[in-house]
PDB file of N, CA and C in Angstrom:
ATOM      1  N   MET A   1       7.926   8.707  -6.220  1.00  0.00           N
ATOM      2  CA  MET A   1       6.571   8.774  -5.537  1.00  0.00           C
ATOM      3  C   MET A   1       6.581   9.544  -4.368  1.00  0.00           C
ATOM      4  N   ILE A   2       5.493  10.443  -4.228  1.00  0.00           N
ATOM      5  CA  ILE A   2       5.392  11.353  -3.098  1.00  0.00           C
ATOM      6  C   ILE A   2       4.398  10.783  -2.142  1.00  0.00           C
ATOM      7  N   ARG A   3       4.702  10.630  -0.836  1.00  0.00           N
ATOM      8  CA  ARG A   3       3.733  10.167   0.144  1.00  0.00           C
ATOM      9  C   ARG A   3       3.486  11.279   1.089  1.00  0.00           C
ATOM     10  N   GLU A   4       2.202  11.604   1.489  1.00  0.00           N
ATOM     11  CA  GLU A   4       1.857  12.592   2.447  1.00  0.00           C
ATOM     12  C   GLU A   4       1.435  11.907   3.740  1.00  0.00           C
ATOM     13  N   LEU A   5       2.013  12.464   4.918  1.00  0.00           N
ATOM     14  CA  LEU A   5       1.646  11.892   6.201  1.00  0.00           C
ATOM     15  C   LEU A   5       1.452  13.008   7.118  1.00  0.00           C
ATOM     16  N   THR A   6       0.772  12.611   8.235  1.00  0.00           N
ATOM     17  CA  THR A   6       0.714  13.633   9.316  1.00  0.00           C
ATOM     18  C   THR A   6       1.468  12.775  10.421  1.00  0.00           C
ATOM     19  N   CYS A   7       2.456  13.715  10.954  1.00  0.00           N
ATOM     20  CA  CYS A   7       3.371  13.141  12.096  1.00  0.00           C
ATOM     21  C   CYS A   7       2.520  12.968  13.388  1.00  0.00           C
ATOM     22  N   ILE A   8       2.754  11.781  13.936  1.00  0.00           N
ATOM     23  CA  ILE A   8       2.078  11.460  15.104  1.00  0.00           C
ATOM     24  C   ILE A   8       2.945  11.515  16.426  1.00  0.00           C
ATOM     25  N   VAL A   9       4.167  12.015  16.281  1.00  0.00           N
ATOM     26  CA  VAL A   9       5.146  11.884  17.372  1.00  0.00           C
ATOM     27  C   VAL A   9       4.814  12.877  18.363  1.00  0.00           C
ATOM     28  N   CYS A  10       4.259  14.023  18.095  1.00  0.00           N
ATOM     29  CA  CYS A  10       3.986  14.960  19.106  1.00  0.00           C
ATOM     30  C   CYS A  10       2.658  15.610  18.807  1.00  0.00           C
ATOM     31  N   PRO A  11       2.050  16.544  19.488  1.00  0.00           N
ATOM     32  CA  PRO A  11       0.758  17.141  19.326  1.00  0.00           C
ATOM     33  C   PRO A  11       0.749  18.172  18.126  1.00  0.00           C
ATOM     34  N   LYS A  12       1.818  18.552  17.629  1.00  0.00           N
ATOM     35  CA  LYS A  12       1.956  19.668  16.482  1.00  0.00           C
ATOM     36  C   LYS A  12       1.431  18.957  15.237  1.00  0.00           C
ATOM     37  N   GLY A  13       1.446  17.725  15.001  1.00  0.00           N
ATOM     38  CA  GLY A  13       0.809  17.132  13.774  1.00  0.00           C
ATOM     39  C   GLY A  13       1.453  17.672  12.554  1.00  0.00           C
ATOM     40  N   CYS A  14       2.720  17.790  12.279  1.00  0.00           N
ATOM     41  CA  CYS A  14       3.293  18.290  11.050  1.00  0.00           C
ATOM     42  C   CYS A  14       2.914  17.522   9.985  1.00  0.00           C
ATOM     43  N   GLN A  15       2.570  18.286   8.806  1.00  0.00           N
ATOM     44  CA  GLN A  15       2.251  17.768   7.559  1.00  0.00           C
ATOM     45  C   GLN A  15       3.551  17.343   6.846  1.00  0.00           C
ATOM     46  N   LEU A  16       3.729  16.127   6.480  1.00  0.00           N
ATOM     47  CA  LEU A  16       5.128  15.647   5.946  1.00  0.00           C
ATOM     48  C   LEU A  16       4.846  15.280   4.560  1.00  0.00           C
ATOM     49  N   LYS A  17       5.836  15.583   3.613  1.00  0.00           N
ATOM     50  CA  LYS A  17       5.881  15.114   2.272  1.00  0.00           C
ATOM     51  C   LYS A  17       7.115  14.360   2.110  1.00  0.00           C
ATOM     52  N   VAL A  18       6.926  13.037   1.867  1.00  0.00           N
ATOM     53  CA  VAL A  18       8.130  12.128   1.730  1.00  0.00           C
ATOM     54  C   VAL A  18       8.261  11.743   0.207  1.00  0.00           C
ATOM     55  N   GLU A  19       9.467  11.884  -0.236  1.00  0.00           N
ATOM     56  CA  GLU A  19       9.663  11.462  -1.682  1.00  0.00           C
ATOM     57  C   GLU A  19      10.472  10.115  -1.500  1.00  0.00           C
ATOM     58  N   LEU A  20       9.818   9.287  -2.193  1.00  0.00           N
ATOM     59  CA  LEU A  20      10.460   7.838  -2.286  1.00  0.00           C
ATOM     60  C   LEU A  20      10.974   7.407  -3.564  1.00  0.00           C
ATOM     61  N   ASP A  21      12.030   6.638  -3.524  1.00  0.00           N
ATOM     62  CA  ASP A  21      12.416   5.993  -4.808  1.00  0.00           C
ATOM     63  C   ASP A  21      12.259   4.448  -4.400  1.00  0.00           C
ATOM     64  N   GLY A  22      11.235   3.817  -4.838  1.00  0.00           N
ATOM     65  CA  GLY A  22      10.774   2.508  -4.251  1.00  0.00           C
ATOM     66  C   GLY A  22      10.631   2.552  -2.781  1.00  0.00           C
ATOM     67  N   LYS A  23      11.518   1.842  -2.107  1.00  0.00           N
ATOM     68  CA  LYS A  23      11.524   1.741  -0.575  1.00  0.00           C
ATOM     69  C   LYS A  23      12.558   2.763   0.068  1.00  0.00           C
ATOM     70  N   LYS A  24      13.189   3.447  -0.799  1.00  0.00           N
ATOM     71  CA  LYS A  24      14.314   4.385  -0.230  1.00  0.00           C
ATOM     72  C   LYS A  24      13.707   5.740  -0.191  1.00  0.00           C
ATOM     73  N   VAL A  25      13.973   6.397   0.991  1.00  0.00           N
ATOM     74  CA  VAL A  25      13.522   7.722   1.210  1.00  0.00           C
ATOM     75  C   VAL A  25      14.526   8.780   0.640  1.00  0.00           C
ATOM     76  N   VAL A  26      14.048   9.626  -0.378  1.00  0.00           N
ATOM     77  CA  VAL A  26      14.910  10.468  -1.019  1.00  0.00           C
ATOM     78  C   VAL A  26      14.943  11.870  -0.334  1.00  0.00           C
ATOM     79  N   SER A  27      13.780  12.406   0.192  1.00  0.00           N
ATOM     80  CA  SER A  27      13.773  13.582   0.893  1.00  0.00           C
ATOM     81  C   SER A  27      12.433  13.615   1.787  1.00  0.00           C
ATOM     82  N   VAL A  28      12.492  14.452   2.754  1.00  0.00           N
ATOM     83  CA  VAL A  28      11.336  14.707   3.720  1.00  0.00           C
ATOM     84  C   VAL A  28      11.246  16.162   3.852  1.00  0.00           C
ATOM     85  N   GLU A  29      10.105  16.669   3.793  1.00  0.00           N
ATOM     86  CA  GLU A  29       9.674  18.205   3.929  1.00  0.00           C
ATOM     87  C   GLU A  29       8.613  18.175   4.931  1.00  0.00           C
ATOM     88  N   GLY A  30       8.624  19.282   5.792  1.00  0.00           N
ATOM     89  CA  GLY A  30       7.485  19.564   6.604  1.00  0.00           C
ATOM     90  C   GLY A  30       7.776  19.384   8.096  1.00  0.00           C
ATOM     91  N   TYR A  31       8.864  18.644   8.375  1.00  0.00           N
ATOM     92  CA  TYR A  31       8.912  18.375   9.808  1.00  0.00           C
ATOM     93  C   TYR A  31       9.588  19.485  10.439  1.00  0.00           C
ATOM     94  N   THR A  32       9.453  19.635  11.897  1.00  0.00           N
ATOM     95  CA  THR A  32       9.867  20.752  12.584  1.00  0.00           C
ATOM     96  C   THR A  32      10.927  20.207  13.544  1.00  0.00           C
ATOM     97  N   CYS A  33      11.094  18.856  13.717  1.00  0.00           N
ATOM     98  CA  CYS A  33      12.149  18.336  14.728  1.00  0.00           C
ATOM     99  C   CYS A  33      12.501  17.055  14.183  1.00  0.00           C
ATOM    100  N   LYS A  34      13.710  16.530  14.753  1.00  0.00           N
ATOM    101  CA  LYS A  34      14.320  15.348  14.222  1.00  0.00           C
ATOM    102  C   LYS A  34      13.440  14.259  14.452  1.00  0.00           C
ATOM    103  N   ARG A  35      12.582  14.195  15.473  1.00  0.00           N
ATOM    104  CA  ARG A  35      11.616  12.988  15.770  1.00  0.00           C
ATOM    105  C   ARG A  35      10.726  12.879  14.586  1.00  0.00           C
ATOM    106  N   GLY A  36      10.235  14.018  13.977  1.00  0.00           N
ATOM    107  CA  GLY A  36       9.407  13.913  12.756  1.00  0.00           C
ATOM    108  C   GLY A  36      10.134  13.396  11.489  1.00  0.00           C
ATOM    109  N   LEU A  37      11.369  13.705  11.406  1.00  0.00           N
ATOM    110  CA  LEU A  37      12.106  13.159  10.229  1.00  0.00           C
ATOM    111  C   LEU A  37      12.259  11.670  10.402  1.00  0.00           C
ATOM    112  N   ALA A  38      12.518  11.152  11.593  1.00  0.00           N
ATOM    113  CA  ALA A  38      12.744   9.752  11.988  1.00  0.00           C
ATOM    114  C   ALA A  38      11.387   9.016  11.816  1.00  0.00           C
ATOM    115  N   TYR A  39      10.290   9.600  12.155  1.00  0.00           N
ATOM    116  CA  TYR A  39       8.973   9.090  12.007  1.00  0.00           C
ATOM    117  C   TYR A  39       8.643   8.797  10.501  1.00  0.00           C
ATOM    118  N   ALA A  40       8.921   9.826   9.622  1.00  0.00           N
ATOM    119  CA  ALA A  40       8.646   9.697   8.349  1.00  0.00           C
ATOM    120  C   ALA A  40       9.256   8.697   7.642  1.00  0.00           C
ATOM    121  N   GLU A  41      10.766   8.589   7.934  1.00  0.00           N
ATOM    122  CA  GLU A  41      11.625   7.693   7.250  1.00  0.00           C
ATOM    123  C   GLU A  41      11.153   6.194   7.859  1.00  0.00           C
ATOM    124  N   SER A  42      10.722   6.060   9.108  1.00  0.00           N
ATOM    125  CA  SER A  42      10.402   4.672   9.528  1.00  0.00           C
ATOM    126  C   SER A  42       8.967   4.401   9.104  1.00  0.00           C
ATOM    127  N   GLU A  43       8.135   5.228   9.000  1.00  0.00           N
ATOM    128  CA  GLU A  43       6.735   4.970   8.532  1.00  0.00           C
ATOM    129  C   GLU A  43       6.692   4.511   6.969  1.00  0.00           C
ATOM    130  N   CYS A  44       7.538   5.046   6.268  1.00  0.00           N
ATOM    131  CA  CYS A  44       7.548   4.671   4.769  1.00  0.00           C
ATOM    132  C   CYS A  44       8.403   3.502   4.470  1.00  0.00           C
ATOM    133  N   VAL A  45       9.376   3.205   5.331  1.00  0.00           N
ATOM    134  CA  VAL A  45      10.284   2.060   5.017  1.00  0.00           C
ATOM    135  C   VAL A  45       9.843   0.897   5.811  1.00  0.00           C
ATOM    136  N   ALA A  46       9.754   0.973   7.057  1.00  0.00           N
ATOM    137  CA  ALA A  46       9.454  -0.194   8.059  1.00  0.00           C
ATOM    138  C   ALA A  46       8.483   0.298   9.053  1.00  0.00           C
ATOM    139  N   PRO A  47       7.002   0.420   8.827  1.00  0.00           N
ATOM    140  CA  PRO A  47       6.184   0.890   9.790  1.00  0.00           C
ATOM    141  C   PRO A  47       5.946   0.029  11.016  1.00  0.00           C
ATOM    142  N   MET A  48       5.897   0.602  12.211  1.00  0.00           N
ATOM    143  CA  MET A  48       5.788  -0.031  13.467  1.00  0.00           C
ATOM    144  C   MET A  48       4.555   0.466  14.083  1.00  0.00           C
ATOM    145  N   ARG A  49       3.927  -0.459  14.832  1.00  0.00           N
ATOM    146  CA  ARG A  49       2.780  -0.276  15.722  1.00  0.00           C
ATOM    147  C   ARG A  49       2.907  -0.867  17.124  1.00  0.00           C
ATOM    148  N   THR A  50       2.232  -0.141  18.060  1.00  0.00           N
ATOM    149  CA  THR A  50       1.893  -0.802  19.382  1.00  0.00           C
ATOM    150  C   THR A  50       0.667  -1.451  19.307  1.00  0.00           C
ATOM    151  N   LEU A  51       0.690  -2.722  19.641  1.00  0.00           N
ATOM    152  CA  LEU A  51      -0.412  -3.519  19.618  1.00  0.00           C
ATOM    153  C   LEU A  51      -1.157  -3.443  20.849  1.00  0.00           C
ATOM    154  N   THR A  52      -2.413  -2.937  20.839  1.00  0.00           N
ATOM    155  CA  THR A  52      -3.368  -2.942  22.042  1.00  0.00           C
ATOM    156  C   THR A  52      -4.565  -3.656  21.924  1.00  0.00           C
ATOM    157  N   THR A  53      -4.929  -4.496  22.745  1.00  0.00           N
ATOM    158  CA  THR A  53      -6.084  -5.497  22.602  1.00  0.00           C
ATOM    159  C   THR A  53      -6.468  -5.989  23.898  1.00  0.00           C
ATOM    160  N   THR A  54      -7.208  -7.119  23.867  1.00  0.00           N
ATOM    161  CA  THR A  54      -7.429  -7.745  25.209  1.00  0.00           C
ATOM    162  C   THR A  54      -7.195  -9.305  24.991  1.00  0.00           C
ATOM    163  N   ALA A  55      -6.836  -9.779  26.046  1.00  0.00           N
ATOM    164  CA  ALA A  55      -6.275 -11.301  25.978  1.00  0.00           C
ATOM    165  C   ALA A  55      -7.399 -12.243  26.971  1.00  0.00           C
ATOM    166  N   PRO A  56      -7.581 -13.328  26.576  1.00  0.00           N
ATOM    167  CA  PRO A  56      -8.476 -14.150  27.475  1.00  0.00           C
ATOM    168  C   PRO A  56      -7.738 -14.481  28.771  1.00  0.00           C
ATOM    169  N   VAL A  57      -8.597 -14.518  29.816  1.00  0.00           N
ATOM    170  CA  VAL A  57      -8.176 -14.780  31.187  1.00  0.00           C
ATOM    171  C   VAL A  57      -8.646 -16.338  31.484  1.00  0.00           C
ATOM    172  N   GLU A  58      -7.667 -17.106  32.333  1.00  0.00           N
ATOM    173  CA  GLU A  58      -8.125 -18.492  32.696  1.00  0.00           C
ATOM    174  C   GLU A  58      -9.246 -18.300  33.390  1.00  0.00           C
ATOM    175  N   GLY A  59     -10.313 -19.030  33.130  1.00  0.00           N
ATOM    176  CA  GLY A  59     -11.475 -19.107  33.916  1.00  0.00           C
ATOM    177  C   GLY A  59     -12.557 -18.140  33.423  1.00  0.00           C
ATOM    178  N   GLY A  60     -12.241 -17.381  32.260  1.00  0.00           N
ATOM    179  CA  GLY A  60     -13.219 -16.496  31.692  1.00  0.00           C
ATOM    180  C   GLY A  60     -12.880 -14.916  31.816  1.00  0.00           C
ATOM    181  N   GLY A  61     -13.393 -14.263  30.952  1.00  0.00           N
ATOM    182  CA  GLY A  61     -13.144 -12.784  30.914  1.00  0.00           C
ATOM    183  C   GLY A  61     -12.019 -12.516  30.117  1.00  0.00           C
ATOM    184  N   VAL A  62     -11.656 -11.198  29.972  1.00  0.00           N
ATOM    185  CA  VAL A  62     -10.461 -10.845  29.315  1.00  0.00           C
ATOM    186  C   VAL A  62      -9.854  -9.670  30.150  1.00  0.00           C
ATOM    187  N   VAL A  63      -8.583  -9.351  29.766  1.00  0.00           N
ATOM    188  CA  VAL A  63      -7.911  -8.252  30.440  1.00  0.00           C
ATOM    189  C   VAL A  63      -7.188  -7.503  29.211  1.00  0.00           C
ATOM    190  N   PRO A  64      -7.119  -6.106  29.356  1.00  0.00           N
ATOM    191  CA  PRO A  64      -6.388  -5.368  28.364  1.00  0.00           C
ATOM    192  C   PRO A  64      -4.860  -5.676  28.538  1.00  0.00           C
ATOM    193  N   VAL A  65      -4.358  -5.779  27.239  1.00  0.00           N
ATOM    194  CA  VAL A  65      -2.915  -5.872  27.086  1.00  0.00           C
ATOM    195  C   VAL A  65      -2.411  -5.029  25.922  1.00  0.00           C
ATOM    196  N   LYS A  66      -0.985  -4.915  25.973  1.00  0.00           N
ATOM    197  CA  LYS A  66      -0.253  -4.229  24.920  1.00  0.00           C
ATOM    198  C   LYS A  66       1.128  -4.660  24.726  1.00  0.00           C
ATOM    199  N   THR A  67       1.682  -4.386  23.657  1.00  0.00           N
ATOM    200  CA  THR A  67       3.123  -4.743  23.535  1.00  0.00           C
ATOM    201  C   THR A  67       3.967  -3.604  24.190  1.00  0.00           C
ATOM    202  N   ASN A  68       4.944  -3.909  24.860  1.00  0.00           N
ATOM    203  CA  ASN A  68       5.799  -2.972  25.643  1.00  0.00           C
ATOM    204  C   ASN A  68       6.645  -2.069  24.610  1.00  0.00           C
ATOM    205  N   LYS A  69       6.784  -2.374  23.277  1.00  0.00           N
ATOM    206  CA  LYS A  69       7.365  -1.626  22.328  1.00  0.00           C
ATOM    207  C   LYS A  69       6.890  -1.907  20.936  1.00  0.00           C
ATOM    208  N   PRO A  70       6.707  -1.083  19.957  1.00  0.00           N
ATOM    209  CA  PRO A  70       6.214  -1.324  18.683  1.00  0.00           C
ATOM    210  C   PRO A  70       6.755  -2.510  18.075  1.00  0.00           C
ATOM    211  N   VAL A  71       5.835  -3.279  17.276  1.00  0.00           N
ATOM    212  CA  VAL A  71       6.097  -4.315  16.409  1.00  0.00           C
ATOM    213  C   VAL A  71       5.876  -4.023  14.947  1.00  0.00           C
ATOM    214  N   PRO A  72       6.448  -4.677  14.098  1.00  0.00           N
ATOM    215  CA  PRO A  72       6.278  -4.390  12.614  1.00  0.00           C
ATOM    216  C   PRO A  72       4.762  -4.455  12.218  1.00  0.00           C
ATOM    217  N   LYS A  73       4.389  -3.459  11.619  1.00  0.00           N
ATOM    218  CA  LYS A  73       2.897  -3.388  11.186  1.00  0.00           C
ATOM    219  C   LYS A  73       2.390  -4.675  10.522  1.00  0.00           C
ATOM    220  N   GLU A  74       3.349  -5.140   9.596  1.00  0.00           N
ATOM    221  CA  GLU A  74       2.771  -6.344   8.897  1.00  0.00           C
ATOM    222  C   GLU A  74       2.557  -7.565   9.847  1.00  0.00           C
ATOM    223  N   LEU A  75       3.065  -7.605  11.020  1.00  0.00           N
ATOM    224  CA  LEU A  75       2.934  -8.788  11.952  1.00  0.00           C
ATOM    225  C   LEU A  75       1.628  -8.621  12.830  1.00  0.00           C
ATOM    226  N   LEU A  76       1.053  -7.496  12.743  1.00  0.00           N
ATOM    227  CA  LEU A  76      -0.052  -7.210  13.808  1.00  0.00           C
ATOM    228  C   LEU A  76      -1.035  -8.411  13.745  1.00  0.00           C
ATOM    229  N   PHE A  77      -1.563  -8.935  12.680  1.00  0.00           N
ATOM    230  CA  PHE A  77      -2.560  -9.869  12.580  1.00  0.00           C
ATOM    231  C   PHE A  77      -2.079 -11.295  13.253  1.00  0.00           C
ATOM    232  N   GLU A  78      -0.777 -11.590  12.859  1.00  0.00           N
ATOM    233  CA  GLU A  78      -0.173 -12.738  13.543  1.00  0.00           C
ATOM    234  C   GLU A  78       0.163 -12.582  14.967  1.00  0.00           C
ATOM    235  N   CYS A  79       0.464 -11.369  15.346  1.00  0.00           N
ATOM    236  CA  CYS A  79       0.520 -11.265  16.919  1.00  0.00           C
ATOM    237  C   CYS A  79      -0.855 -11.403  17.475  1.00  0.00           C
ATOM    238  N   MET A  80      -1.841 -10.859  16.959  1.00  0.00           N
ATOM    239  CA  MET A  80      -3.113 -11.005  17.552  1.00  0.00           C
ATOM    240  C   MET A  80      -3.606 -12.553  17.702  1.00  0.00           C
ATOM    241  N   ALA A  81      -3.401 -13.317  16.664  1.00  0.00           N
ATOM    242  CA  ALA A  81      -3.507 -14.831  16.802  1.00  0.00           C
ATOM    243  C   ALA A  81      -2.736 -15.390  17.890  1.00  0.00           C
ATOM    244  N   GLU A  82      -1.584 -14.895  18.217  1.00  0.00           N
ATOM    245  CA  GLU A  82      -0.889 -15.520  19.447  1.00  0.00           C
ATOM    246  C   GLU A  82      -1.483 -15.065  20.672  1.00  0.00           C
ATOM    247  N   VAL A  83      -1.869 -13.740  20.755  1.00  0.00           N
ATOM    248  CA  VAL A  83      -2.540 -13.167  21.973  1.00  0.00           C
ATOM    249  C   VAL A  83      -3.872 -13.991  22.197  1.00  0.00           C
ATOM    250  N   ASN A  84      -4.658 -14.225  21.237  1.00  0.00           N
ATOM    251  CA  ASN A  84      -5.958 -14.930  21.252  1.00  0.00           C
ATOM    252  C   ASN A  84      -5.733 -16.398  21.776  1.00  0.00           C
ATOM    253  N   LYS A  85      -4.483 -16.964  21.593  1.00  0.00           N
ATOM    254  CA  LYS A  85      -4.296 -18.292  22.151  1.00  0.00           C
ATOM    255  C   LYS A  85      -3.672 -18.283  23.550  1.00  0.00           C
ATOM    256  N   ALA A  86      -3.260 -17.261  23.877  1.00  0.00           N
ATOM    257  CA  ALA A  86      -2.693 -17.087  25.338  1.00  0.00           C
ATOM    258  C   ALA A  86      -3.771 -17.185  26.383  1.00  0.00           C
ATOM    259  N   ARG A  87      -3.453 -17.513  27.442  1.00  0.00           N
ATOM    260  CA  ARG A  87      -4.347 -17.356  28.843  1.00  0.00           C
ATOM    261  C   ARG A  87      -3.686 -16.833  29.916  1.00  0.00           C
ATOM    262  N   VAL A  88      -4.194 -15.610  30.293  1.00  0.00           N
ATOM    263  CA  VAL A  88      -3.651 -14.758  31.400  1.00  0.00           C
ATOM    264  C   VAL A  88      -3.999 -15.489  32.620  1.00  0.00           C
ATOM    265  N   PRO A  89      -3.180 -15.654  33.622  1.00  0.00           N
ATOM    266  CA  PRO A  89      -3.556 -16.150  35.035  1.00  0.00           C
ATOM    267  C   PRO A  89      -4.561 -15.153  35.574  1.00  0.00           C
ATOM    268  N   ALA A  90      -5.545 -15.759  36.288  1.00  0.00           N
ATOM    269  CA  ALA A  90      -6.667 -15.065  36.900  1.00  0.00           C
ATOM    270  C   ALA A  90      -6.158 -14.099  38.006  1.00  0.00           C
ATOM    271  N   ASP A  91      -4.812 -14.306  38.442  1.00  0.00           N
ATOM    272  CA  ASP A  91      -4.318 -13.340  39.485  1.00  0.00           C
ATOM    273  C   ASP A  91      -3.196 -12.478  38.813  1.00  0.00           C
ATOM    274  N   ALA A  92      -3.248 -12.291  37.628  1.00  0.00           N
ATOM    275  CA  ALA A  92      -2.174 -11.314  37.063  1.00  0.00           C
ATOM    276  C   ALA A  92      -2.238 -10.009  37.457  1.00  0.00           C
ATOM    277  N   LYS A  93      -1.224  -9.373  37.610  1.00  0.00           N
ATOM    278  CA  LYS A  93      -1.052  -7.938  37.993  1.00  0.00           C
ATOM    279  C   LYS A  93      -0.727  -7.017  36.834  1.00  0.00           C
ATOM    280  N   LEU A  94      -0.906  -5.730  36.975  1.00  0.00           N
ATOM    281  CA  LEU A  94      -0.499  -4.726  36.007  1.00  0.00           C
ATOM    282  C   LEU A  94       0.992  -4.925  35.558  1.00  0.00           C
ATOM    283  N   GLY A  95       1.275  -4.946  34.392  1.00  0.00           N
ATOM    284  CA  GLY A  95       2.442  -5.006  33.859  1.00  0.00           C
ATOM    285  C   GLY A  95       3.319  -6.381  33.680  1.00  0.00           C
ATOM    286  N   GLU A  96       2.356  -7.446  33.995  1.00  0.00           N
ATOM    287  CA  GLU A  96       2.808  -8.757  34.048  1.00  0.00           C
ATOM    288  C   GLU A  96       2.945  -9.305  32.556  1.00  0.00           C
ATOM    289  N   VAL A  97       4.003  -9.933  32.290  1.00  0.00           N
ATOM    290  CA  VAL A  97       4.301 -10.381  30.897  1.00  0.00           C
ATOM    291  C   VAL A  97       3.388 -11.564  30.582  1.00  0.00           C
ATOM    292  N   VAL A  98       2.601 -11.514  29.435  1.00  0.00           N
ATOM    293  CA  VAL A  98       1.748 -12.439  29.023  1.00  0.00           C
ATOM    294  C   VAL A  98       2.499 -13.387  28.051  1.00  0.00           C
ATOM    295  N   ILE A  99       3.096 -12.719  27.128  1.00  0.00           N
ATOM    296  CA  ILE A  99       3.862 -13.314  25.960  1.00  0.00           C
ATOM    297  C   ILE A  99       5.279 -12.686  25.902  1.00  0.00           C
ATOM    298  N   GLU A 100       6.313 -13.455  26.068  1.00  0.00           N
ATOM    299  CA  GLU A 100       7.625 -12.862  25.957  1.00  0.00           C
ATOM    300  C   GLU A 100       8.075 -12.886  24.512  1.00  0.00           C
ATOM    301  N   ASN A 101       8.701 -11.749  23.984  1.00  0.00           N
ATOM    302  CA  ASN A 101       9.288 -11.670  22.689  1.00  0.00           C
ATOM    303  C   ASN A 101       8.377 -12.270  21.593  1.00  0.00           C
ATOM    304  N   ILE A 102       7.197 -11.671  21.536  1.00  0.00           N
ATOM    305  CA  ILE A 102       6.070 -12.238  20.537  1.00  0.00           C
ATOM    306  C   ILE A 102       6.652 -12.243  19.114  1.00  0.00           C
ATOM    307  N   LEU A 103       6.534 -13.394  18.587  1.00  0.00           N
ATOM    308  CA  LEU A 103       7.117 -13.591  17.230  1.00  0.00           C
ATOM    309  C   LEU A 103       8.493 -13.328  16.861  1.00  0.00           C
ATOM    310  N   GLY A 104       9.317 -13.224  17.870  1.00  0.00           N
ATOM    311  CA  GLY A 104      10.729 -12.808  17.697  1.00  0.00           C
ATOM    312  C   GLY A 104      10.862 -11.402  17.408  1.00  0.00           C
ATOM    313  N   THR A 105       9.859 -10.529  17.881  1.00  0.00           N
ATOM    314  CA  THR A 105      10.017  -9.122  17.554  1.00  0.00           C
ATOM    315  C   THR A 105      10.834  -8.271  18.555  1.00  0.00           C
ATOM    316  N   GLY A 106      11.184  -8.929  19.703  1.00  0.00           N
ATOM    317  CA  GLY A 106      11.819  -8.325  20.890  1.00  0.00           C
ATOM    318  C   GLY A 106      10.734  -7.611  21.791  1.00  0.00           C
ATOM    319  N   ALA A 107       9.354  -7.663  21.414  1.00  0.00           N
ATOM    320  CA  ALA A 107       8.489  -7.072  22.294  1.00  0.00           C
ATOM    321  C   ALA A 107       7.797  -8.013  23.175  1.00  0.00           C
ATOM    322  N   ASP A 108       7.431  -7.605  24.367  1.00  0.00           N
ATOM    323  CA  ASP A 108       6.598  -8.534  25.230  1.00  0.00           C
ATOM    324  C   ASP A 108       5.201  -7.998  25.266  1.00  0.00           C
ATOM    325  N   VAL A 109       4.201  -8.804  25.395  1.00  0.00           N
ATOM    326  CA  VAL A 109       2.782  -8.416  25.610  1.00  0.00           C
ATOM    327  C   VAL A 109       2.682  -8.532  27.089  1.00  0.00           C
ATOM    328  N   VAL A 110       2.155  -7.294  27.528  1.00  0.00           N
ATOM    329  CA  VAL A 110       1.943  -7.212  29.007  1.00  0.00           C
ATOM    330  C   VAL A 110       0.535  -6.793  29.379  1.00  0.00           C
ATOM    331  N   THR A 111       0.031  -6.978  30.543  1.00  0.00           N
ATOM    332  CA  THR A 111      -1.217  -6.538  31.043  1.00  0.00           C
ATOM    333  C   THR A 111      -1.214  -5.080  31.265  1.00  0.00           C
ATOM    334  N   THR A 112      -2.261  -4.397  31.083  1.00  0.00           N
ATOM    335  CA  THR A 112      -2.247  -2.899  31.379  1.00  0.00           C
ATOM    336  C   THR A 112      -3.212  -2.642  32.510  1.00  0.00           C
ATOM    337  N   ARG A 113      -3.745  -3.691  33.336  1.00  0.00           N
ATOM    338  CA  ARG A 113      -4.325  -3.531  34.551  1.00  0.00           C
ATOM    339  C   ARG A 113      -4.370  -4.868  35.157  1.00  0.00           C
ATOM    340  N   ASN A 114      -4.681  -4.847  36.569  1.00  0.00           N
ATOM    341  CA  ASN A 114      -4.912  -6.136  37.301  1.00  0.00           C
ATOM    342  C   ASN A 114      -6.122  -6.852  36.765  1.00  0.00           C
ATOM    343  N   VAL A 115      -6.108  -8.117  36.688  1.00  0.00           N
ATOM    344  CA  VAL A 115      -7.059  -8.988  36.431  1.00  0.00           C
ATOM    345  C   VAL A 115      -8.126  -8.949  37.508  1.00  0.00           C
ATOM    346  N   LYS A 116      -9.387  -8.674  37.334  1.00  0.00           N
ATOM    347  CA  LYS A 116     -10.409  -8.690  38.377  1.00  0.00           C
ATOM    348  C   LYS A 116     -10.985 -10.046  38.536  1.00  0.00           C
ATOM    349  N   ILE A 117     -10.757 -10.588  39.662  1.00  0.00           N
ATOM    350  CA  ILE A 117     -11.387 -11.896  39.937  1.00  0.00           C
ATOM    351  C   ILE A 117     -12.751 -11.750  40.265  1.00  0.00           C
TER     352      ILE A 117
END
């Protein structure tokens, strides 16, 4: 099976062709740096994403949050359910951890700005 991707690691946007045998990468063409090769392999075998969303604040409103490192793509909806259950303190500051090690992924959910009271 051949899978075509656009690399998102840098602004070049290399057009990648990945040959797969099931879930095993056989070859990658079109990358111009090692980061592109790593991206192609990861995206085809175990895709990861940084979750960016909003979380509810105690007393009302929402604050933008994100994971501090990518999480497995297949867990995004489960992560969202956990974020929706959380309540961010009304005095939370930028970078404050809202959820530690969400779903055992090793990623923390952190605020991306101060909560406005």
